[in-house]
Amino acid sequence: KYELIKQVTGLSQDDLLSALSALKDSELIYERGIYPQSVFIFKHALTREVVYDSILAKKRKELHKEIGNAIEELYGGDLSDHCELLVEHYFLSENYSKAADYSKMAERKAEKNVSLNEAAVYAAKRVAALEKLPETKDILRQKIDARTSLGLYMFQLFYFVEAKDVVEPIFNSAVDMGYTKRVAQLYTIMGTYSYW
């Protein structure tokens, strides 16, 4: 989106419009929508890949962080419409705490839309993000929550083996912690797996 590009690049309106015009004239991108609500899209996925791969890894990480921060700043009033993008940008910027938070938001959004497959994808991203954070009691509790949620989605999708594999690493921790709510759900998942 134009607003987001302007925020991240920090260019003046004239300079940004000139640069975008040059990219459109060279047929690298095309513009969808009407200025200032324009969305700019690469004409070919291969072009996007070449441009992305040409950016140094450290710079890419910084750009993802800047884009995530800009989205939060621009759309702070209603981030639920942008949580999926925020998951990707914060994960790629290695801000795993924010990636986990937005994964949970995207997971709940998908669940409300009755899309268990999509909810499971974001639950898995939440697990992946939490696994990268240093182990604390709070993070352990979040891991138990995330893995249990993912296990329950797998369970509802009749992937009993996958559900068991997801919850097995945190089963003993949840029991030792006395996390009653989750322990009951974990026993349901493990019991169904054993039954099947």
C-alpha atoms as a PDB file:
ATOM      1  CA  LYS A   1       0.000   0.000   0.000  1.00  0.00           C
ATOM      2  CA  TYR A   2       1.130   3.527  -0.751  1.00  0.00           C
ATOM      3  CA  GLU A   3       0.835   4.709   2.879  1.00  0.00           C
ATOM      4  CA  LEU A   4       2.947   1.819   4.101  1.00  0.00           C
ATOM      5  CA  ILE A   5       5.635   2.320   1.433  1.00  0.00           C
ATOM      6  CA  LYS A   6       5.783   6.026   2.300  1.00  0.00           C
ATOM      7  CA  GLN A   7       6.090   5.283   6.018  1.00  0.00           C
ATOM      8  CA  VAL A   8       8.866   2.694   5.592  1.00  0.00           C
ATOM      9  CA  THR A   9      10.928   4.524   2.952  1.00  0.00           C
ATOM     10  CA  GLY A  10      10.695   7.946   4.580  1.00  0.00           C
ATOM     11  CA  LEU A  11      10.739   9.548   1.117  1.00  0.00           C
ATOM     12  CA  SER A  12       8.896  12.750   0.382  1.00  0.00           C
ATOM     13  CA  GLN A  13       5.640  12.390  -1.536  1.00  0.00           C
ATOM     14  CA  ASP A  14       7.191  13.742  -4.769  1.00  0.00           C
ATOM     15  CA  ASP A  15      10.261  11.491  -4.558  1.00  0.00           C
ATOM     16  CA  LEU A  16       8.181   8.419  -3.770  1.00  0.00           C
ATOM     17  CA  LEU A  17       5.698   9.053  -6.592  1.00  0.00           C
ATOM     18  CA  SER A  18       8.611   9.586  -8.974  1.00  0.00           C
ATOM     19  CA  ALA A  19      10.288   6.316  -7.918  1.00  0.00           C
ATOM     20  CA  LEU A  20       7.026   4.359  -8.156  1.00  0.00           C
ATOM     21  CA  SER A  21       6.328   5.903 -11.563  1.00  0.00           C
ATOM     22  CA  ALA A  22       9.764   4.788 -12.808  1.00  0.00           C
ATOM     23  CA  LEU A  23       9.090   1.221 -11.603  1.00  0.00           C
ATOM     24  CA  LYS A  24       5.674   1.229 -13.322  1.00  0.00           C
ATOM     25  CA  ASP A  25       7.163   2.623 -16.560  1.00  0.00           C
ATOM     26  CA  SER A  26       9.795  -0.114 -16.586  1.00  0.00           C
ATOM     27  CA  GLU A  27       6.948  -2.627 -16.085  1.00  0.00           C
ATOM     28  CA  LEU A  28       8.363  -4.094 -12.888  1.00  0.00           C
ATOM     29  CA  ILE A  29       5.252  -3.246 -10.854  1.00  0.00           C
ATOM     30  CA  TYR A  30       1.679  -2.276 -11.533  1.00  0.00           C
ATOM     31  CA  GLU A  31      -0.685  -0.132  -9.530  1.00  0.00           C
ATOM     32  CA  ARG A  32      -4.066  -1.326  -8.342  1.00  0.00           C
ATOM     33  CA  GLY A  33      -6.568   1.157  -6.930  1.00  0.00           C
ATOM     34  CA  ILE A  34      -6.643   4.908  -6.906  1.00  0.00           C
ATOM     35  CA  TYR A  35      -4.035   7.106  -5.246  1.00  0.00           C
ATOM     36  CA  PRO A  36      -3.597   7.430  -2.242  1.00  0.00           C
ATOM     37  CA  GLN A  37      -5.207   4.015  -1.574  1.00  0.00           C
ATOM     38  CA  SER A  38      -3.032   2.456  -4.283  1.00  0.00           C
ATOM     39  CA  VAL A  39      -1.548  -0.993  -3.894  1.00  0.00           C
ATOM     40  CA  PHE A  40       1.638  -1.772  -5.818  1.00  0.00           C
ATOM     41  CA  ILE A  41       2.286  -5.313  -6.965  1.00  0.00           C
ATOM     42  CA  PHE A  42       5.224  -6.908  -8.768  1.00  0.00           C
ATOM     43  CA  LYS A  43       4.217  -7.965 -12.267  1.00  0.00           C
ATOM     44  CA  HIS A  44       6.048 -11.271 -11.907  1.00  0.00           C
ATOM     45  CA  ALA A  45       6.731 -13.358  -8.825  1.00  0.00           C
ATOM     46  CA  LEU A  46      10.226 -14.095 -10.140  1.00  0.00           C
ATOM     47  CA  THR A  47      11.026 -10.364 -10.155  1.00  0.00           C
ATOM     48  CA  ARG A  48       9.894 -10.118  -6.556  1.00  0.00           C
ATOM     49  CA  GLU A  49      12.100 -13.067  -5.604  1.00  0.00           C
ATOM     50  CA  VAL A  50      15.169 -11.629  -7.356  1.00  0.00           C
ATOM     51  CA  VAL A  51      14.709  -8.250  -5.652  1.00  0.00           C
ATOM     52  CA  TYR A  52      14.103  -9.859  -2.242  1.00  0.00           C
ATOM     53  CA  ASP A  53      17.066 -12.230  -2.571  1.00  0.00           C
ATOM     54  CA  SER A  54      19.375  -9.358  -3.577  1.00  0.00           C
ATOM     55  CA  ILE A  55      18.850  -7.653  -0.192  1.00  0.00           C
ATOM     56  CA  LEU A  56      21.396  -8.655   2.450  1.00  0.00           C
ATOM     57  CA  ALA A  57      19.944 -10.833   5.230  1.00  0.00           C
ATOM     58  CA  LYS A  58      20.632  -8.233   7.935  1.00  0.00           C
ATOM     59  CA  LYS A  59      18.938  -5.497   5.891  1.00  0.00           C
ATOM     60  CA  ARG A  60      15.946  -7.788   5.168  1.00  0.00           C
ATOM     61  CA  LYS A  61      15.543  -8.389   8.896  1.00  0.00           C
ATOM     62  CA  GLU A  62      15.588  -4.619   9.533  1.00  0.00           C
ATOM     63  CA  LEU A  63      13.088  -3.988   6.724  1.00  0.00           C
ATOM     64  CA  HIS A  64      10.669  -6.584   8.099  1.00  0.00           C
ATOM     65  CA  LYS A  65      10.927  -4.929  11.512  1.00  0.00           C
ATOM     66  CA  GLU A  66      10.289  -1.476  10.013  1.00  0.00           C
ATOM     67  CA  ILE A  67       7.317  -2.756   8.014  1.00  0.00           C
ATOM     68  CA  GLY A  68       5.816  -4.430  11.088  1.00  0.00           C
ATOM     69  CA  ASN A  69       6.273  -1.260  13.128  1.00  0.00           C
ATOM     70  CA  ALA A  70       4.786   0.874  10.325  1.00  0.00           C
ATOM     71  CA  ILE A  71       1.711  -1.381  10.077  1.00  0.00           C
ATOM     72  CA  GLU A  72       1.215  -1.118  13.839  1.00  0.00           C
ATOM     73  CA  GLU A  73       1.555   2.657  13.673  1.00  0.00           C
ATOM     74  CA  LEU A  74      -0.709   3.145  10.638  1.00  0.00           C
ATOM     75  CA  TYR A  75      -3.446   0.701  11.615  1.00  0.00           C
ATOM     76  CA  GLY A  76      -3.081   0.630  15.417  1.00  0.00           C
ATOM     77  CA  GLY A  77      -6.826   1.081  15.877  1.00  0.00           C
ATOM     78  CA  ASP A  78      -7.673  -2.222  14.207  1.00  0.00           C
ATOM     79  CA  LEU A  79      -4.789  -4.628  13.792  1.00  0.00           C
ATOM     80  CA  SER A  80      -7.019  -7.689  13.382  1.00  0.00           C
ATOM     81  CA  ASP A  81      -7.251  -6.928   9.654  1.00  0.00           C
ATOM     82  CA  HIS A  82      -3.454  -6.981   9.424  1.00  0.00           C
ATOM     83  CA  CYS A  83      -2.435  -9.639  11.957  1.00  0.00           C
ATOM     84  CA  GLU A  84      -1.488 -12.212   9.295  1.00  0.00           C
ATOM     85  CA  LEU A  85       0.983  -9.760   7.724  1.00  0.00           C
ATOM     86  CA  LEU A  86       2.343  -8.840  11.128  1.00  0.00           C
ATOM     87  CA  VAL A  87       3.025 -12.515  11.900  1.00  0.00           C
ATOM     88  CA  GLU A  88       5.196 -12.826   8.793  1.00  0.00           C
ATOM     89  CA  HIS A  89       7.065  -9.550   9.208  1.00  0.00           C
ATOM     90  CA  TYR A  90       7.807 -10.006  12.899  1.00  0.00           C
ATOM     91  CA  PHE A  91       8.824 -13.648  12.441  1.00  0.00           C
ATOM     92  CA  LEU A  92      11.219 -12.680   9.640  1.00  0.00           C
ATOM     93  CA  SER A  93      12.566  -9.789  11.728  1.00  0.00           C
ATOM     94  CA  GLU A  94      13.177 -12.331  14.525  1.00  0.00           C
ATOM     95  CA  ASN A  95      10.871 -10.530  16.953  1.00  0.00           C
ATOM     96  CA  TYR A  96       9.447 -13.852  18.046  1.00  0.00           C
ATOM     97  CA  SER A  97       7.471 -12.430  20.947  1.00  0.00           C
ATOM     98  CA  LYS A  98       5.393 -10.200  18.661  1.00  0.00           C
ATOM     99  CA  ALA A  99       5.199 -12.973  16.051  1.00  0.00           C
ATOM    100  CA  ALA A 100       3.681 -15.252  18.715  1.00  0.00           C
ATOM    101  CA  ASP A 101       1.204 -12.577  19.827  1.00  0.00           C
ATOM    102  CA  TYR A 102       0.010 -11.858  16.299  1.00  0.00           C
ATOM    103  CA  SER A 103      -0.094 -15.581  15.480  1.00  0.00           C
ATOM    104  CA  LYS A 104      -2.492 -16.013  18.383  1.00  0.00           C
ATOM    105  CA  MET A 105      -4.621 -13.143  17.054  1.00  0.00           C
ATOM    106  CA  ALA A 106      -4.630 -14.639  13.531  1.00  0.00           C
ATOM    107  CA  GLU A 107      -5.410 -18.072  14.974  1.00  0.00           C
ATOM    108  CA  ARG A 108      -8.448 -16.737  16.880  1.00  0.00           C
ATOM    109  CA  LYS A 109      -9.601 -14.822  13.797  1.00  0.00           C
ATOM    110  CA  ALA A 110      -9.429 -17.982  11.664  1.00  0.00           C
ATOM    111  CA  GLU A 111     -11.240 -19.942  14.383  1.00  0.00           C
ATOM    112  CA  LYS A 112     -14.071 -17.377  14.414  1.00  0.00           C
ATOM    113  CA  ASN A 113     -14.296 -17.781  10.627  1.00  0.00           C
ATOM    114  CA  VAL A 114     -14.569 -21.557  11.159  1.00  0.00           C
ATOM    115  CA  SER A 115     -11.361 -22.248   9.288  1.00  0.00           C
ATOM    116  CA  LEU A 116      -9.668 -24.919  11.381  1.00  0.00           C
ATOM    117  CA  ASN A 117      -6.938 -25.531   8.807  1.00  0.00           C
ATOM    118  CA  GLU A 118      -5.950 -21.857   8.833  1.00  0.00           C
ATOM    119  CA  ALA A 119      -6.212 -21.707  12.628  1.00  0.00           C
ATOM    120  CA  ALA A 120      -3.871 -24.715  12.813  1.00  0.00           C
ATOM    121  CA  VAL A 121      -1.363 -22.972  10.513  1.00  0.00           C
ATOM    122  CA  TYR A 122      -1.226 -19.922  12.794  1.00  0.00           C
ATOM    123  CA  ALA A 123      -1.120 -22.089  15.922  1.00  0.00           C
ATOM    124  CA  ALA A 124       1.917 -23.854  14.417  1.00  0.00           C
ATOM    125  CA  LYS A 125       3.533 -20.472  13.716  1.00  0.00           C
ATOM    126  CA  ARG A 126       2.868 -19.464  17.319  1.00  0.00           C
ATOM    127  CA  VAL A 127       4.552 -22.670  18.530  1.00  0.00           C
ATOM    128  CA  ALA A 128       7.535 -22.031  16.222  1.00  0.00           C
ATOM    129  CA  ALA A 129       7.903 -18.453  17.484  1.00  0.00           C
ATOM    130  CA  LEU A 130       7.633 -19.446  21.156  1.00  0.00           C
ATOM    131  CA  GLU A 131      10.228 -22.210  20.698  1.00  0.00           C
ATOM    132  CA  LYS A 132      12.753 -19.529  19.708  1.00  0.00           C
ATOM    133  CA  LEU A 133      12.278 -17.538  22.926  1.00  0.00           C
ATOM    134  CA  PRO A 134      14.322 -18.108  26.109  1.00  0.00           C
ATOM    135  CA  GLU A 135      12.663 -20.548  28.508  1.00  0.00           C
ATOM    136  CA  THR A 136      10.879 -18.829  31.397  1.00  0.00           C
ATOM    137  CA  LYS A 137       7.870 -19.931  33.411  1.00  0.00           C
ATOM    138  CA  ASP A 138       5.630 -17.558  31.435  1.00  0.00           C
ATOM    139  CA  ILE A 139       7.004 -18.754  28.074  1.00  0.00           C
ATOM    140  CA  LEU A 140       6.563 -22.386  29.173  1.00  0.00           C
ATOM    141  CA  ARG A 141       2.923 -21.669  30.003  1.00  0.00           C
ATOM    142  CA  GLN A 142       2.483 -19.987  26.588  1.00  0.00           C
ATOM    143  CA  LYS A 143       4.099 -23.015  24.894  1.00  0.00           C
ATOM    144  CA  ILE A 144       1.686 -25.318  26.716  1.00  0.00           C
ATOM    145  CA  ASP A 145      -1.236 -23.140  25.587  1.00  0.00           C
ATOM    146  CA  ALA A 146       0.014 -22.943  21.996  1.00  0.00           C
ATOM    147  CA  ARG A 147       0.800 -26.648  21.647  1.00  0.00           C
ATOM    148  CA  THR A 148      -2.500 -27.620  23.267  1.00  0.00           C
ATOM    149  CA  SER A 149      -4.409 -25.329  20.895  1.00  0.00           C
ATOM    150  CA  LEU A 150      -2.578 -26.800  17.910  1.00  0.00           C
ATOM    151  CA  GLY A 151      -3.201 -30.299  19.232  1.00  0.00           C
ATOM    152  CA  LEU A 152      -6.916 -29.560  19.588  1.00  0.00           C
ATOM    153  CA  TYR A 153      -7.111 -28.266  16.005  1.00  0.00           C
ATOM    154  CA  MET A 154      -5.355 -31.423  14.771  1.00  0.00           C
ATOM    155  CA  PHE A 155      -7.702 -33.486  16.942  1.00  0.00           C
ATOM    156  CA  GLN A 156     -10.793 -31.809  15.411  1.00  0.00           C
ATOM    157  CA  LEU A 157      -9.368 -32.408  11.937  1.00  0.00           C
ATOM    158  CA  PHE A 158      -8.960 -36.132  12.829  1.00  0.00           C
ATOM    159  CA  TYR A 159      -5.144 -35.984  12.663  1.00  0.00           C
ATOM    160  CA  PHE A 160      -4.726 -37.926  15.884  1.00  0.00           C
ATOM    161  CA  VAL A 161      -1.073 -38.913  15.365  1.00  0.00           C
ATOM    162  CA  GLU A 162      -0.091 -35.314  14.594  1.00  0.00           C
ATOM    163  CA  ALA A 163      -2.106 -34.080  17.593  1.00  0.00           C
ATOM    164  CA  LYS A 164      -0.260 -36.489  19.882  1.00  0.00           C
ATOM    165  CA  ASP A 165       3.124 -35.499  18.421  1.00  0.00           C
ATOM    166  CA  VAL A 166       2.401 -31.803  18.991  1.00  0.00           C
ATOM    167  CA  VAL A 167       1.395 -32.112  22.653  1.00  0.00           C
ATOM    168  CA  GLU A 168       3.792 -34.821  23.768  1.00  0.00           C
ATOM    169  CA  PRO A 169       6.766 -32.429  24.390  1.00  0.00           C
ATOM    170  CA  ILE A 170       4.786 -30.341  26.912  1.00  0.00           C
ATOM    171  CA  PHE A 171       2.612 -33.039  28.474  1.00  0.00           C
ATOM    172  CA  ASN A 172       4.798 -33.674  31.540  1.00  0.00           C
ATOM    173  CA  SER A 173       5.430 -29.943  32.071  1.00  0.00           C
ATOM    174  CA  ALA A 174       1.682 -29.250  32.126  1.00  0.00           C
ATOM    175  CA  VAL A 175       1.115 -32.101  34.600  1.00  0.00           C
ATOM    176  CA  ASP A 176       4.046 -30.990  36.826  1.00  0.00           C
ATOM    177  CA  MET A 177       2.771 -27.406  36.739  1.00  0.00           C
ATOM    178  CA  GLY A 178      -0.732 -28.533  37.735  1.00  0.00           C
ATOM    179  CA  TYR A 179      -2.217 -26.707  34.762  1.00  0.00           C
ATOM    180  CA  THR A 180      -5.600 -28.399  35.232  1.00  0.00           C
ATOM    181  CA  LYS A 181      -7.447 -26.909  32.247  1.00  0.00           C
ATOM    182  CA  ARG A 182      -4.737 -27.932  29.793  1.00  0.00           C
ATOM    183  CA  VAL A 183      -4.028 -31.291  31.427  1.00  0.00           C
ATOM    184  CA  ALA A 184      -7.645 -32.355  30.836  1.00  0.00           C
ATOM    185  CA  GLN A 185      -7.377 -31.365  27.160  1.00  0.00           C
ATOM    186  CA  LEU A 186      -4.008 -33.104  26.836  1.00  0.00           C
ATOM    187  CA  TYR A 187      -5.400 -36.326  28.323  1.00  0.00           C
ATOM    188  CA  THR A 188      -8.271 -36.149  25.807  1.00  0.00           C
ATOM    189  CA  ILE A 189      -5.817 -35.839  22.907  1.00  0.00           C
ATOM    190  CA  MET A 190      -3.496 -38.584  24.193  1.00  0.00           C
ATOM    191  CA  GLY A 191      -6.398 -40.847  25.119  1.00  0.00           C
ATOM    192  CA  THR A 192      -8.002 -40.516  21.675  1.00  0.00           C
ATOM    193  CA  TYR A 193      -4.676 -41.258  20.034  1.00  0.00           C
ATOM    194  CA  SER A 194      -4.290 -44.414  22.157  1.00  0.00           C
ATOM    195  CA  TYR A 195      -7.861 -45.454  21.407  1.00  0.00           C
ATOM    196  CA  TRP A 196      -7.441 -45.083  17.672  1.00  0.00           C
END
